[in-house]
Amino acid sequence: MSKLALTYDDIQLVPAYSNISSRKNIDLTTQVTKNYGLRVPLVASCMDTVCESEMAITIAELGGVGCIHRFMTIEQEANEIATVVAAIQQQNIEDVWNLNDTNWKFKKAIPVMAATGANGDFKERAVALVNAGANIILIDVAHGHHENVKQAIATLKNILPSHVDIIAGNIASAQAAKDLEAWQADGLRVGVGGGSLCTTRLKTGFGVPNVSCLQEIIAVTNLPVMADGGIRTSGDIAKALALGSSCVMLGSLIAGTKEAPGKIIEKATGLFKRYRGAASLETKMTHNQEQKNVEGESTVIPFKGGAKFVIEGLLDGVRSAFSYGGANNINEFKPEYVQVTNAGQTEAKPHLL
């Protein structure tokens, strides 16, 4: 039986009574896995035009985590992790995380995250990444409700130290969440076909709009949920958190920044950087992968300057959202929402321009 499915533009959050005296005091501490926390609910996406060590260090300086992408040799990815680990030992980052805070409920370690696949060299890659200092391994595949992922989780749980958590995905159904939890994943990456350059829904017809996808999964799992795909504004981040997500994965919003991998391209119309989907033909060609199952596009986007400025702007919007919701922290942020019509979507934007 068919049912209506909603995405971020289809809903608006309802303002609630608030006694927030200053948005600066709002606590955005959250979980990214069962055992690891974040100071802000942001994860830099494991895409080769989004996150290597420079981006991971920058987002760690603000209290989030970057996931180093896997589209490089094992040695190169391990070196990227080692670079992040060395930087994380700096006092300025330690001060931001303040792991000795009496309210900190997670492992007293700053999360260091890296991606592997679910077949091929994933075992050797995961071991090398953990030896370099990673404490979270993200199994990065398009269809996470798959036998390969089940076997990969079992293998990694058997060969990696107990302090290492595993995030699995991407998934888009309640049954997938139940299964991945039963397979002993420590966190879920949720969203199929919603990325800004993803063509999965067009190519295959599969995917679930993000709001309904998150609702169905969060209703049946005890694991932290990372909302991935379709996040275009700080308002979308707020909506994902309001639905019960623990954090969100950022791709396009922080692509094109100074810290994103890739060279600045000079054109007559300005400065640009490349941004491409993980399953795009360009990504597959660049990394000598088999050129089939292409489900993404590539493009150039305007150069945005420093990622810190972009991320701080997003966090300002999220803190404002918490103020409208009367919430001092993520646990209190449970606003109601309404479904809106096309006219409501138009009204929600600056409609005089």
C-alpha atoms as a PDB file:
ATOM      1  CA  MET A   1       0.000   0.000   0.000  1.00  0.00           C
ATOM      2  CA  SER A   2       1.349   3.439  -0.904  1.00  0.00           C
ATOM      3  CA  LYS A   3       1.746   6.158   1.708  1.00  0.00           C
ATOM      4  CA  LEU A   4       2.654   9.822   1.724  1.00  0.00           C
ATOM      5  CA  ALA A   5       6.327  10.591   2.377  1.00  0.00           C
ATOM      6  CA  LEU A   6       7.674  14.003   3.354  1.00  0.00           C
ATOM      7  CA  THR A   7      10.989  15.769   3.007  1.00  0.00           C
ATOM      8  CA  TYR A   8      12.427  18.860   4.692  1.00  0.00           C
ATOM      9  CA  ASP A   9      10.643  21.452   2.527  1.00  0.00           C
ATOM     10  CA  ASP A  10       7.302  19.756   3.258  1.00  0.00           C
ATOM     11  CA  ILE A  11       7.374  20.678   6.955  1.00  0.00           C
ATOM     12  CA  GLN A  12       7.879  23.697   9.207  1.00  0.00           C
ATOM     13  CA  LEU A  13       8.642  23.544  12.922  1.00  0.00           C
ATOM     14  CA  VAL A  14       6.133  25.153  15.301  1.00  0.00           C
ATOM     15  CA  PRO A  15       7.571  27.784  17.703  1.00  0.00           C
ATOM     16  CA  ALA A  16       7.222  26.912  21.391  1.00  0.00           C
ATOM     17  CA  TYR A  17       7.414  28.833  24.666  1.00  0.00           C
ATOM     18  CA  SER A  18      11.024  29.817  25.301  1.00  0.00           C
ATOM     19  CA  ASN A  19      12.935  31.178  28.265  1.00  0.00           C
ATOM     20  CA  ILE A  20      16.346  31.063  26.542  1.00  0.00           C
ATOM     21  CA  SER A  21      18.228  34.124  27.748  1.00  0.00           C
ATOM     22  CA  SER A  22      21.174  33.785  25.357  1.00  0.00           C
ATOM     23  CA  ARG A  23      21.600  31.566  22.323  1.00  0.00           C
ATOM     24  CA  LYS A  24      25.330  31.413  23.084  1.00  0.00           C
ATOM     25  CA  ASN A  25      24.552  29.229  26.123  1.00  0.00           C
ATOM     26  CA  ILE A  26      22.691  26.558  24.151  1.00  0.00           C
ATOM     27  CA  ASP A  27      24.449  23.195  24.455  1.00  0.00           C
ATOM     28  CA  LEU A  28      24.668  21.259  21.176  1.00  0.00           C
ATOM     29  CA  THR A  29      26.437  18.229  22.673  1.00  0.00           C
ATOM     30  CA  THR A  30      25.204  15.003  21.081  1.00  0.00           C
ATOM     31  CA  GLN A  31      26.121  11.430  20.163  1.00  0.00           C
ATOM     32  CA  VAL A  32      27.623  10.211  16.915  1.00  0.00           C
ATOM     33  CA  THR A  33      27.818   6.523  17.954  1.00  0.00           C
ATOM     34  CA  LYS A  34      26.894   4.503  21.053  1.00  0.00           C
ATOM     35  CA  ASN A  35      30.116   5.469  22.775  1.00  0.00           C
ATOM     36  CA  TYR A  36      31.392   8.675  21.174  1.00  0.00           C
ATOM     37  CA  GLY A  37      30.004  12.169  21.541  1.00  0.00           C
ATOM     38  CA  LEU A  38      30.232  15.464  19.651  1.00  0.00           C
ATOM     39  CA  ARG A  39      30.181  19.030  20.881  1.00  0.00           C
ATOM     40  CA  VAL A  40      28.186  20.071  17.804  1.00  0.00           C
ATOM     41  CA  PRO A  41      25.998  17.770  15.660  1.00  0.00           C
ATOM     42  CA  LEU A  42      27.964  18.061  12.421  1.00  0.00           C
ATOM     43  CA  VAL A  43      29.916  15.442  10.448  1.00  0.00           C
ATOM     44  CA  ALA A  44      31.899  16.295   7.294  1.00  0.00           C
ATOM     45  CA  SER A  45      30.998  13.832   4.543  1.00  0.00           C
ATOM     46  CA  CYS A  46      33.409  11.131   3.394  1.00  0.00           C
ATOM     47  CA  MET A  47      33.557  12.474  -0.179  1.00  0.00           C
ATOM     48  CA  ASP A  48      36.791  13.145  -2.021  1.00  0.00           C
ATOM     49  CA  THR A  49      35.848  16.782  -2.603  1.00  0.00           C
ATOM     50  CA  VAL A  50      34.738  17.343   1.004  1.00  0.00           C
ATOM     51  CA  CYS A  51      36.861  15.736   3.700  1.00  0.00           C
ATOM     52  CA  GLU A  52      40.523  14.979   4.121  1.00  0.00           C
ATOM     53  CA  SER A  53      42.675  15.924   7.112  1.00  0.00           C
ATOM     54  CA  GLU A  54      42.442  19.701   6.672  1.00  0.00           C
ATOM     55  CA  MET A  55      38.631  19.667   6.783  1.00  0.00           C
ATOM     56  CA  ALA A  56      38.582  17.104   9.605  1.00  0.00           C
ATOM     57  CA  ILE A  57      40.882  19.278  11.734  1.00  0.00           C
ATOM     58  CA  THR A  58      38.850  22.416  11.061  1.00  0.00           C
ATOM     59  CA  ILE A  59      35.537  20.821  12.016  1.00  0.00           C
ATOM     60  CA  ALA A  60      37.154  19.212  15.099  1.00  0.00           C
ATOM     61  CA  GLU A  61      38.239  22.696  16.188  1.00  0.00           C
ATOM     62  CA  LEU A  62      34.534  23.586  16.298  1.00  0.00           C
ATOM     63  CA  GLY A  63      33.409  20.399  18.082  1.00  0.00           C
ATOM     64  CA  GLY A  64      32.310  18.238  15.157  1.00  0.00           C
ATOM     65  CA  VAL A  65      34.007  15.406  13.281  1.00  0.00           C
ATOM     66  CA  GLY A  66      35.185  14.845   9.738  1.00  0.00           C
ATOM     67  CA  CYS A  67      35.043  11.449   8.063  1.00  0.00           C
ATOM     68  CA  ILE A  68      38.151  10.886   5.929  1.00  0.00           C
ATOM     69  CA  HIS A  69      37.091   9.484   2.549  1.00  0.00           C
ATOM     70  CA  ARG A  70      38.286   6.111   1.260  1.00  0.00           C
ATOM     71  CA  PHE A  71      39.096   7.026  -2.353  1.00  0.00           C
ATOM     72  CA  MET A  72      42.866   6.774  -1.885  1.00  0.00           C
ATOM     73  CA  THR A  73      45.397   4.107  -1.001  1.00  0.00           C
ATOM     74  CA  ILE A  74      45.344   2.554   2.461  1.00  0.00           C
ATOM     75  CA  GLU A  75      48.644   4.250   3.263  1.00  0.00           C
ATOM     76  CA  GLN A  76      47.361   7.656   2.172  1.00  0.00           C
ATOM     77  CA  GLU A  77      44.173   7.371   4.226  1.00  0.00           C
ATOM     78  CA  ALA A  78      46.129   6.192   7.273  1.00  0.00           C
ATOM     79  CA  ASN A  79      48.456   9.187   6.865  1.00  0.00           C
ATOM     80  CA  GLU A  80      45.443  11.518   6.760  1.00  0.00           C
ATOM     81  CA  ILE A  81      44.215   9.993  10.027  1.00  0.00           C
ATOM     82  CA  ALA A  82      47.667  10.357  11.609  1.00  0.00           C
ATOM     83  CA  THR A  83      47.664  14.043  10.638  1.00  0.00           C
ATOM     84  CA  VAL A  84      44.259  14.532  12.278  1.00  0.00           C
ATOM     85  CA  VAL A  85      45.328  12.712  15.444  1.00  0.00           C
ATOM     86  CA  ALA A  86      48.445  14.871  15.777  1.00  0.00           C
ATOM     87  CA  ALA A  87      46.368  18.048  15.460  1.00  0.00           C
ATOM     88  CA  ILE A  88      43.725  16.853  17.914  1.00  0.00           C
ATOM     89  CA  GLN A  89      46.351  16.785  20.653  1.00  0.00           C
ATOM     90  CA  GLN A  90      46.642  20.583  20.457  1.00  0.00           C
ATOM     91  CA  GLN A  91      45.405  22.528  23.467  1.00  0.00           C
ATOM     92  CA  ASN A  92      42.923  24.684  21.550  1.00  0.00           C
ATOM     93  CA  ILE A  93      41.040  21.598  20.349  1.00  0.00           C
ATOM     94  CA  GLU A  94      41.202  19.934  23.780  1.00  0.00           C
ATOM     95  CA  ASP A  95      39.672  23.099  25.288  1.00  0.00           C
ATOM     96  CA  VAL A  96      36.752  23.080  22.830  1.00  0.00           C
ATOM     97  CA  TRP A  97      35.937  19.452  23.614  1.00  0.00           C
ATOM     98  CA  ASN A  98      36.477  19.686  27.407  1.00  0.00           C
ATOM     99  CA  LEU A  99      36.129  15.938  27.875  1.00  0.00           C
ATOM    100  CA  ASN A 100      36.569  16.238  31.638  1.00  0.00           C
ATOM    101  CA  ASP A 101      33.288  18.131  31.915  1.00  0.00           C
ATOM    102  CA  THR A 102      31.175  16.350  34.557  1.00  0.00           C
ATOM    103  CA  ASN A 103      28.248  16.263  32.101  1.00  0.00           C
ATOM    104  CA  TRP A 104      30.254  14.453  29.408  1.00  0.00           C
ATOM    105  CA  LYS A 105      28.668  10.975  29.185  1.00  0.00           C
ATOM    106  CA  PHE A 106      30.803   9.452  26.458  1.00  0.00           C
ATOM    107  CA  LYS A 107      34.299   8.014  26.043  1.00  0.00           C
ATOM    108  CA  LYS A 108      36.894  10.590  27.016  1.00  0.00           C
ATOM    109  CA  ALA A 109      38.308  10.678  23.506  1.00  0.00           C
ATOM    110  CA  ILE A 110      37.720  13.023  20.599  1.00  0.00           C
ATOM    111  CA  PRO A 111      36.192  11.003  17.749  1.00  0.00           C
ATOM    112  CA  VAL A 112      38.442  10.352  14.743  1.00  0.00           C
ATOM    113  CA  MET A 113      36.441   8.918  11.858  1.00  0.00           C
ATOM    114  CA  ALA A 114      37.401   7.270   8.581  1.00  0.00           C
ATOM    115  CA  ALA A 115      35.563   5.389   5.846  1.00  0.00           C
ATOM    116  CA  THR A 116      36.040   1.932   4.392  1.00  0.00           C
ATOM    117  CA  GLY A 117      34.038  -0.099   1.923  1.00  0.00           C
ATOM    118  CA  ALA A 118      32.369  -3.442   2.645  1.00  0.00           C
ATOM    119  CA  ASN A 119      34.489  -5.679   0.437  1.00  0.00           C
ATOM    120  CA  GLY A 120      37.902  -5.762  -1.226  1.00  0.00           C
ATOM    121  CA  ASP A 121      40.606  -4.332   1.029  1.00  0.00           C
ATOM    122  CA  PHE A 122      38.230  -3.139   3.771  1.00  0.00           C
ATOM    123  CA  LYS A 123      39.779  -5.339   6.500  1.00  0.00           C
ATOM    124  CA  GLU A 124      43.353  -4.231   5.863  1.00  0.00           C
ATOM    125  CA  ARG A 125      42.199  -0.629   5.459  1.00  0.00           C
ATOM    126  CA  ALA A 126      40.267  -0.620   8.735  1.00  0.00           C
ATOM    127  CA  VAL A 127      43.186  -2.109  10.668  1.00  0.00           C
ATOM    128  CA  ALA A 128      45.593   0.468   9.229  1.00  0.00           C
ATOM    129  CA  LEU A 129      43.197   3.321  10.021  1.00  0.00           C
ATOM    130  CA  VAL A 130      42.736   2.188  13.617  1.00  0.00           C
ATOM    131  CA  ASN A 131      46.497   1.738  14.017  1.00  0.00           C
ATOM    132  CA  ALA A 132      46.869   5.334  12.815  1.00  0.00           C
ATOM    133  CA  GLY A 133      44.416   6.532  15.486  1.00  0.00           C
ATOM    134  CA  ALA A 134      40.874   6.224  14.103  1.00  0.00           C
ATOM    135  CA  ASN A 135      38.303   5.222  16.712  1.00  0.00           C
ATOM    136  CA  ILE A 136      35.215   5.220  14.449  1.00  0.00           C
ATOM    137  CA  ILE A 137      35.018   3.288  11.184  1.00  0.00           C
ATOM    138  CA  LEU A 138      32.193   4.228   8.824  1.00  0.00           C
ATOM    139  CA  ILE A 139      31.211   1.543   6.319  1.00  0.00           C
ATOM    140  CA  ASP A 140      30.582   3.732   3.286  1.00  0.00           C
ATOM    141  CA  VAL A 141      28.253   2.040   0.798  1.00  0.00           C
ATOM    142  CA  ALA A 142      25.208   3.236  -1.101  1.00  0.00           C
ATOM    143  CA  HIS A 143      22.942   0.360  -0.002  1.00  0.00           C
ATOM    144  CA  GLY A 144      23.672  -0.446   3.613  1.00  0.00           C
ATOM    145  CA  HIS A 145      20.890  -3.031   4.078  1.00  0.00           C
ATOM    146  CA  HIS A 146      22.996  -5.663   2.375  1.00  0.00           C
ATOM    147  CA  GLU A 147      24.662  -8.982   3.145  1.00  0.00           C
ATOM    148  CA  ASN A 148      28.086  -7.465   2.427  1.00  0.00           C
ATOM    149  CA  VAL A 149      27.530  -4.920   5.198  1.00  0.00           C
ATOM    150  CA  LYS A 150      26.345  -7.621   7.600  1.00  0.00           C
ATOM    151  CA  GLN A 151      29.512  -9.612   6.967  1.00  0.00           C
ATOM    152  CA  ALA A 152      31.732  -6.511   7.101  1.00  0.00           C
ATOM    153  CA  ILE A 153      30.398  -5.493  10.526  1.00  0.00           C
ATOM    154  CA  ALA A 154      30.922  -9.029  11.855  1.00  0.00           C
ATOM    155  CA  THR A 155      34.461  -9.122  10.476  1.00  0.00           C
ATOM    156  CA  LEU A 156      35.432  -5.713  11.839  1.00  0.00           C
ATOM    157  CA  LYS A 157      33.932  -6.446  15.253  1.00  0.00           C
ATOM    158  CA  ASN A 158      36.085  -9.555  15.364  1.00  0.00           C
ATOM    159  CA  ILE A 159      39.400  -7.977  14.326  1.00  0.00           C
ATOM    160  CA  LEU A 160      39.282  -4.422  15.683  1.00  0.00           C
ATOM    161  CA  PRO A 161      39.850  -3.333  19.301  1.00  0.00           C
ATOM    162  CA  SER A 162      36.759  -2.940  21.480  1.00  0.00           C
ATOM    163  CA  HIS A 163      37.146   0.852  21.713  1.00  0.00           C
ATOM    164  CA  VAL A 164      36.419   1.205  17.967  1.00  0.00           C
ATOM    165  CA  ASP A 165      32.801   1.931  17.012  1.00  0.00           C
ATOM    166  CA  ILE A 166      31.262   1.168  13.613  1.00  0.00           C
ATOM    167  CA  ILE A 167      28.741   3.301  11.743  1.00  0.00           C
ATOM    168  CA  ALA A 168      26.824   1.537   8.962  1.00  0.00           C
ATOM    169  CA  GLY A 169      24.531   2.684   6.175  1.00  0.00           C
ATOM    170  CA  ASN A 170      23.198   4.190   4.082  1.00  0.00           C
ATOM    171  CA  ILE A 171      19.709   2.962   4.869  1.00  0.00           C
ATOM    172  CA  ALA A 172      16.154   4.201   4.396  1.00  0.00           C
ATOM    173  CA  SER A 173      13.773   1.796   6.134  1.00  0.00           C
ATOM    174  CA  ALA A 174      12.776   0.694   9.621  1.00  0.00           C
ATOM    175  CA  GLN A 175      13.653  -2.921   8.842  1.00  0.00           C
ATOM    176  CA  ALA A 176      17.129  -1.901   7.752  1.00  0.00           C
ATOM    177  CA  ALA A 177      17.636  -0.078  11.054  1.00  0.00           C
ATOM    178  CA  LYS A 178      16.473  -3.098  13.045  1.00  0.00           C
ATOM    179  CA  ASP A 179      18.792  -5.375  11.097  1.00  0.00           C
ATOM    180  CA  LEU A 180      21.875  -3.153  11.351  1.00  0.00           C
ATOM    181  CA  GLU A 181      21.301  -2.824  15.088  1.00  0.00           C
ATOM    182  CA  ALA A 182      21.045  -6.622  15.319  1.00  0.00           C
ATOM    183  CA  TRP A 183      24.251  -6.888  13.291  1.00  0.00           C
ATOM    184  CA  GLN A 184      25.941  -4.795  16.038  1.00  0.00           C
ATOM    185  CA  ALA A 185      26.403  -1.459  14.299  1.00  0.00           C
ATOM    186  CA  ASP A 186      27.112   1.361  16.783  1.00  0.00           C
ATOM    187  CA  GLY A 187      25.514   4.112  14.718  1.00  0.00           C
ATOM    188  CA  LEU A 188      23.364   4.516  11.604  1.00  0.00           C
ATOM    189  CA  ARG A 189      23.856   6.667   8.510  1.00  0.00           C
ATOM    190  CA  VAL A 190      20.380   7.363   7.172  1.00  0.00           C
ATOM    191  CA  GLY A 191      19.277   8.600   3.766  1.00  0.00           C
ATOM    192  CA  VAL A 192      19.201   7.105   0.267  1.00  0.00           C
ATOM    193  CA  GLY A 193      19.104   9.190  -2.887  1.00  0.00           C
ATOM    194  CA  GLY A 194      18.787  12.618  -1.276  1.00  0.00           C
ATOM    195  CA  GLY A 195      22.281  14.023  -1.862  1.00  0.00           C
ATOM    196  CA  SER A 196      22.665  17.191  -3.912  1.00  0.00           C
ATOM    197  CA  LEU A 197      24.487  15.363  -6.729  1.00  0.00           C
ATOM    198  CA  CYS A 198      22.931  11.924  -6.225  1.00  0.00           C
ATOM    199  CA  THR A 199      20.951  10.367  -9.095  1.00  0.00           C
ATOM    200  CA  THR A 200      19.955   7.128  -7.351  1.00  0.00           C
ATOM    201  CA  ARG A 201      16.251   7.963  -7.252  1.00  0.00           C
ATOM    202  CA  LEU A 202      16.262   8.931 -10.936  1.00  0.00           C
ATOM    203  CA  LYS A 203      18.319   5.932 -12.062  1.00  0.00           C
ATOM    204  CA  THR A 204      16.657   3.268  -9.912  1.00  0.00           C
ATOM    205  CA  GLY A 205      13.395   4.656  -8.547  1.00  0.00           C
ATOM    206  CA  PHE A 206      14.506   3.769  -5.015  1.00  0.00           C
ATOM    207  CA  GLY A 207      14.736   6.122  -2.043  1.00  0.00           C
ATOM    208  CA  VAL A 208      12.546   7.603   0.683  1.00  0.00           C
ATOM    209  CA  PRO A 209      12.111  11.366   1.274  1.00  0.00           C
ATOM    210  CA  ASN A 210      14.179  12.416   4.251  1.00  0.00           C
ATOM    211  CA  VAL A 211      11.614  13.390   6.881  1.00  0.00           C
ATOM    212  CA  SER A 212       9.601  10.181   6.570  1.00  0.00           C
ATOM    213  CA  CYS A 213      12.785   8.119   6.292  1.00  0.00           C
ATOM    214  CA  LEU A 214      14.156   9.553   9.547  1.00  0.00           C
ATOM    215  CA  GLN A 215      10.836   9.224  11.378  1.00  0.00           C
ATOM    216  CA  GLU A 216      10.437   5.538  10.523  1.00  0.00           C
ATOM    217  CA  ILE A 217      13.985   4.676  11.531  1.00  0.00           C
ATOM    218  CA  ILE A 218      14.202   6.750  14.710  1.00  0.00           C
ATOM    219  CA  ALA A 219      10.943   5.146  15.912  1.00  0.00           C
ATOM    220  CA  VAL A 220      12.485   1.664  15.941  1.00  0.00           C
ATOM    221  CA  THR A 221      16.145   2.076  16.901  1.00  0.00           C
ATOM    222  CA  ASN A 222      18.138   2.932  19.998  1.00  0.00           C
ATOM    223  CA  LEU A 223      21.226   3.784  17.955  1.00  0.00           C
ATOM    224  CA  PRO A 224      22.364   7.342  17.182  1.00  0.00           C
ATOM    225  CA  VAL A 225      21.145   8.370  13.734  1.00  0.00           C
ATOM    226  CA  MET A 226      23.162  10.514  11.333  1.00  0.00           C
ATOM    227  CA  ALA A 227      20.917  12.239   8.789  1.00  0.00           C
ATOM    228  CA  ASP A 228      22.677  12.218   5.422  1.00  0.00           C
ATOM    229  CA  GLY A 229      21.467  13.947   2.275  1.00  0.00           C
ATOM    230  CA  GLY A 230      19.140  16.788   1.410  1.00  0.00           C
ATOM    231  CA  ILE A 231      20.556  19.218   3.992  1.00  0.00           C
ATOM    232  CA  ARG A 232      20.689  22.609   2.261  1.00  0.00           C
ATOM    233  CA  THR A 233      20.273  25.086   5.123  1.00  0.00           C
ATOM    234  CA  SER A 234      20.678  25.401   8.885  1.00  0.00           C
ATOM    235  CA  GLY A 235      16.892  25.100   9.010  1.00  0.00           C
ATOM    236  CA  ASP A 236      17.161  21.628   7.484  1.00  0.00           C
ATOM    237  CA  ILE A 237      19.718  20.702  10.150  1.00  0.00           C
ATOM    238  CA  ALA A 238      17.250  21.873  12.802  1.00  0.00           C
ATOM    239  CA  LYS A 239      14.453  19.815  11.241  1.00  0.00           C
ATOM    240  CA  ALA A 240      16.618  16.684  11.174  1.00  0.00           C
ATOM    241  CA  LEU A 241      17.510  17.159  14.849  1.00  0.00           C
ATOM    242  CA  ALA A 242      13.878  17.892  15.759  1.00  0.00           C
ATOM    243  CA  LEU A 243      12.872  14.552  14.245  1.00  0.00           C
ATOM    244  CA  GLY A 244      15.335  12.790  16.551  1.00  0.00           C
ATOM    245  CA  SER A 245      18.566  12.608  14.563  1.00  0.00           C
ATOM    246  CA  SER A 246      21.694  12.841  16.690  1.00  0.00           C
ATOM    247  CA  CYS A 247      23.743  14.596  14.010  1.00  0.00           C
ATOM    248  CA  VAL A 248      23.804  15.417  10.305  1.00  0.00           C
ATOM    249  CA  MET A 249      26.338  14.755   7.564  1.00  0.00           C
ATOM    250  CA  LEU A 250      27.356  17.778   5.492  1.00  0.00           C
ATOM    251  CA  GLY A 251      28.492  17.575   1.878  1.00  0.00           C
ATOM    252  CA  SER A 252      27.503  20.396  -0.450  1.00  0.00           C
ATOM    253  CA  LEU A 253      27.245  22.955   2.363  1.00  0.00           C
ATOM    254  CA  ILE A 254      30.970  22.751   3.107  1.00  0.00           C
ATOM    255  CA  ALA A 255      32.224  21.715  -0.337  1.00  0.00           C
ATOM    256  CA  GLY A 256      33.920  24.543  -2.196  1.00  0.00           C
ATOM    257  CA  THR A 257      35.617  25.841   0.943  1.00  0.00           C
ATOM    258  CA  LYS A 258      39.341  26.382   1.381  1.00  0.00           C
ATOM    259  CA  GLU A 259      39.667  23.221   3.494  1.00  0.00           C
ATOM    260  CA  ALA A 260      37.799  20.973   1.036  1.00  0.00           C
ATOM    261  CA  PRO A 261      40.168  18.863  -1.103  1.00  0.00           C
ATOM    262  CA  GLY A 262      40.893  20.139  -4.594  1.00  0.00           C
ATOM    263  CA  LYS A 263      42.403  23.133  -6.320  1.00  0.00           C
ATOM    264  CA  ILE A 264      40.787  26.531  -6.716  1.00  0.00           C
ATOM    265  CA  ILE A 265      39.727  27.043 -10.334  1.00  0.00           C
ATOM    266  CA  GLU A 266      39.924  30.559 -11.753  1.00  0.00           C
ATOM    267  CA  LYS A 267      37.307  31.556 -14.330  1.00  0.00           C
ATOM    268  CA  ALA A 268      36.270  34.880 -15.790  1.00  0.00           C
ATOM    269  CA  THR A 269      33.180  34.726 -13.570  1.00  0.00           C
ATOM    270  CA  GLY A 270      35.059  34.080 -10.323  1.00  0.00           C
ATOM    271  CA  LEU A 271      36.722  31.352  -8.264  1.00  0.00           C
ATOM    272  CA  PHE A 272      35.383  27.785  -8.120  1.00  0.00           C
ATOM    273  CA  LYS A 273      36.178  24.297  -6.795  1.00  0.00           C
ATOM    274  CA  ARG A 274      35.035  20.888  -7.987  1.00  0.00           C
ATOM    275  CA  TYR A 275      32.311  18.975  -6.176  1.00  0.00           C
ATOM    276  CA  ARG A 276      31.263  15.489  -7.208  1.00  0.00           C
ATOM    277  CA  GLY A 277      29.081  12.675  -5.987  1.00  0.00           C
ATOM    278  CA  ALA A 278      30.825   9.613  -4.566  1.00  0.00           C
ATOM    279  CA  ALA A 279      29.204   7.449  -7.265  1.00  0.00           C
ATOM    280  CA  SER A 280      29.730   9.905 -10.124  1.00  0.00           C
ATOM    281  CA  LEU A 281      31.538   8.917 -13.323  1.00  0.00           C
ATOM    282  CA  GLU A 282      34.219  11.515 -12.603  1.00  0.00           C
ATOM    283  CA  THR A 283      34.936  10.020  -9.170  1.00  0.00           C
ATOM    284  CA  LYS A 284      35.135   6.514 -10.624  1.00  0.00           C
ATOM    285  CA  MET A 285      37.461   7.665 -13.415  1.00  0.00           C
ATOM    286  CA  THR A 286      39.664   9.712 -11.073  1.00  0.00           C
ATOM    287  CA  HIS A 287      40.206   6.750  -8.768  1.00  0.00           C
ATOM    288  CA  ASN A 288      40.462   4.072 -11.475  1.00  0.00           C
ATOM    289  CA  GLN A 289      37.256   2.369 -10.419  1.00  0.00           C
ATOM    290  CA  GLU A 290      35.048   0.275 -12.683  1.00  0.00           C
ATOM    291  CA  GLN A 291      32.919   2.704 -14.683  1.00  0.00           C
ATOM    292  CA  LYS A 292      29.506   1.201 -14.004  1.00  0.00           C
ATOM    293  CA  ASN A 293      26.638   1.768 -11.553  1.00  0.00           C
ATOM    294  CA  VAL A 294      27.063   5.513 -11.954  1.00  0.00           C
ATOM    295  CA  GLU A 295      24.580   7.225  -9.628  1.00  0.00           C
ATOM    296  CA  GLY A 296      25.959  10.737  -9.211  1.00  0.00           C
ATOM    297  CA  GLU A 297      26.911  13.942 -10.980  1.00  0.00           C
ATOM    298  CA  SER A 298      29.889  16.299 -10.820  1.00  0.00           C
ATOM    299  CA  THR A 299      30.118  20.059 -11.106  1.00  0.00           C
ATOM    300  CA  VAL A 300      32.020  23.155 -10.066  1.00  0.00           C
ATOM    301  CA  ILE A 301      30.696  25.376  -7.282  1.00  0.00           C
ATOM    302  CA  PRO A 302      31.687  28.904  -6.237  1.00  0.00           C
ATOM    303  CA  PHE A 303      34.636  29.116  -3.845  1.00  0.00           C
ATOM    304  CA  LYS A 304      33.257  29.871  -0.361  1.00  0.00           C
ATOM    305  CA  GLY A 305      36.381  30.818   1.615  1.00  0.00           C
ATOM    306  CA  GLY A 306      37.091  29.298   5.011  1.00  0.00           C
ATOM    307  CA  ALA A 307      34.999  26.366   6.221  1.00  0.00           C
ATOM    308  CA  LYS A 308      35.011  27.761   9.768  1.00  0.00           C
ATOM    309  CA  PHE A 309      32.984  30.789   8.688  1.00  0.00           C
ATOM    310  CA  VAL A 310      30.458  28.571   6.868  1.00  0.00           C
ATOM    311  CA  ILE A 311      30.125  26.103   9.753  1.00  0.00           C
ATOM    312  CA  GLU A 312      29.783  28.825  12.382  1.00  0.00           C
ATOM    313  CA  GLY A 313      26.981  30.350  10.321  1.00  0.00           C
ATOM    314  CA  LEU A 314      25.174  27.017  10.257  1.00  0.00           C
ATOM    315  CA  LEU A 315      25.601  26.604  14.013  1.00  0.00           C
ATOM    316  CA  ASP A 316      24.223  30.111  14.584  1.00  0.00           C
ATOM    317  CA  GLY A 317      21.094  29.071  12.710  1.00  0.00           C
ATOM    318  CA  VAL A 318      20.770  25.845  14.704  1.00  0.00           C
ATOM    319  CA  ARG A 319      21.104  27.693  18.015  1.00  0.00           C
ATOM    320  CA  SER A 320      18.442  30.139  16.876  1.00  0.00           C
ATOM    321  CA  ALA A 321      16.212  27.182  16.060  1.00  0.00           C
ATOM    322  CA  PHE A 322      16.701  25.819  19.576  1.00  0.00           C
ATOM    323  CA  SER A 323      15.681  29.208  20.960  1.00  0.00           C
ATOM    324  CA  TYR A 324      12.464  29.160  18.892  1.00  0.00           C
ATOM    325  CA  GLY A 325      11.853  25.646  20.221  1.00  0.00           C
ATOM    326  CA  GLY A 326      12.511  26.644  23.842  1.00  0.00           C
ATOM    327  CA  ALA A 327      15.326  24.100  24.097  1.00  0.00           C
ATOM    328  CA  ASN A 328      18.588  24.460  26.018  1.00  0.00           C
ATOM    329  CA  ASN A 329      20.017  21.275  24.504  1.00  0.00           C
ATOM    330  CA  ILE A 330      19.335  18.533  21.977  1.00  0.00           C
ATOM    331  CA  ASN A 331      17.415  16.365  24.452  1.00  0.00           C
ATOM    332  CA  GLU A 332      14.924  19.201  24.993  1.00  0.00           C
ATOM    333  CA  PHE A 333      14.564  19.995  21.286  1.00  0.00           C
ATOM    334  CA  LYS A 334      11.297  18.250  20.435  1.00  0.00           C
ATOM    335  CA  PRO A 335       9.138  20.822  18.612  1.00  0.00           C
ATOM    336  CA  GLU A 336       5.984  19.885  16.774  1.00  0.00           C
ATOM    337  CA  TYR A 337       5.832  20.398  13.038  1.00  0.00           C
ATOM    338  CA  VAL A 338       3.162  21.104  10.458  1.00  0.00           C
ATOM    339  CA  GLN A 339       2.967  19.910   6.886  1.00  0.00           C
ATOM    340  CA  VAL A 340       2.937  22.802   4.410  1.00  0.00           C
ATOM    341  CA  THR A 341       1.544  23.265   0.918  1.00  0.00           C
ATOM    342  CA  ASN A 342       3.409  24.596  -2.108  1.00  0.00           C
ATOM    343  CA  ALA A 343       2.144  28.049  -1.157  1.00  0.00           C
ATOM    344  CA  GLY A 344       3.566  27.551   2.325  1.00  0.00           C
ATOM    345  CA  GLN A 345       6.919  26.579   0.850  1.00  0.00           C
ATOM    346  CA  THR A 346       6.929  29.774  -1.210  1.00  0.00           C
ATOM    347  CA  GLU A 347       5.929  31.855   1.819  1.00  0.00           C
ATOM    348  CA  ALA A 348       8.819  30.351   3.813  1.00  0.00           C
ATOM    349  CA  LYS A 349      11.366  31.977   1.496  1.00  0.00           C
ATOM    350  CA  PRO A 350      12.088  35.665   0.874  1.00  0.00           C
ATOM    351  CA  HIS A 351       9.222  35.985  -1.601  1.00  0.00           C
ATOM    352  CA  LEU A 352       9.623  39.687  -2.404  1.00  0.00           C
ATOM    353  CA  LEU A 353      12.927  39.066  -4.205  1.00  0.00           C
END
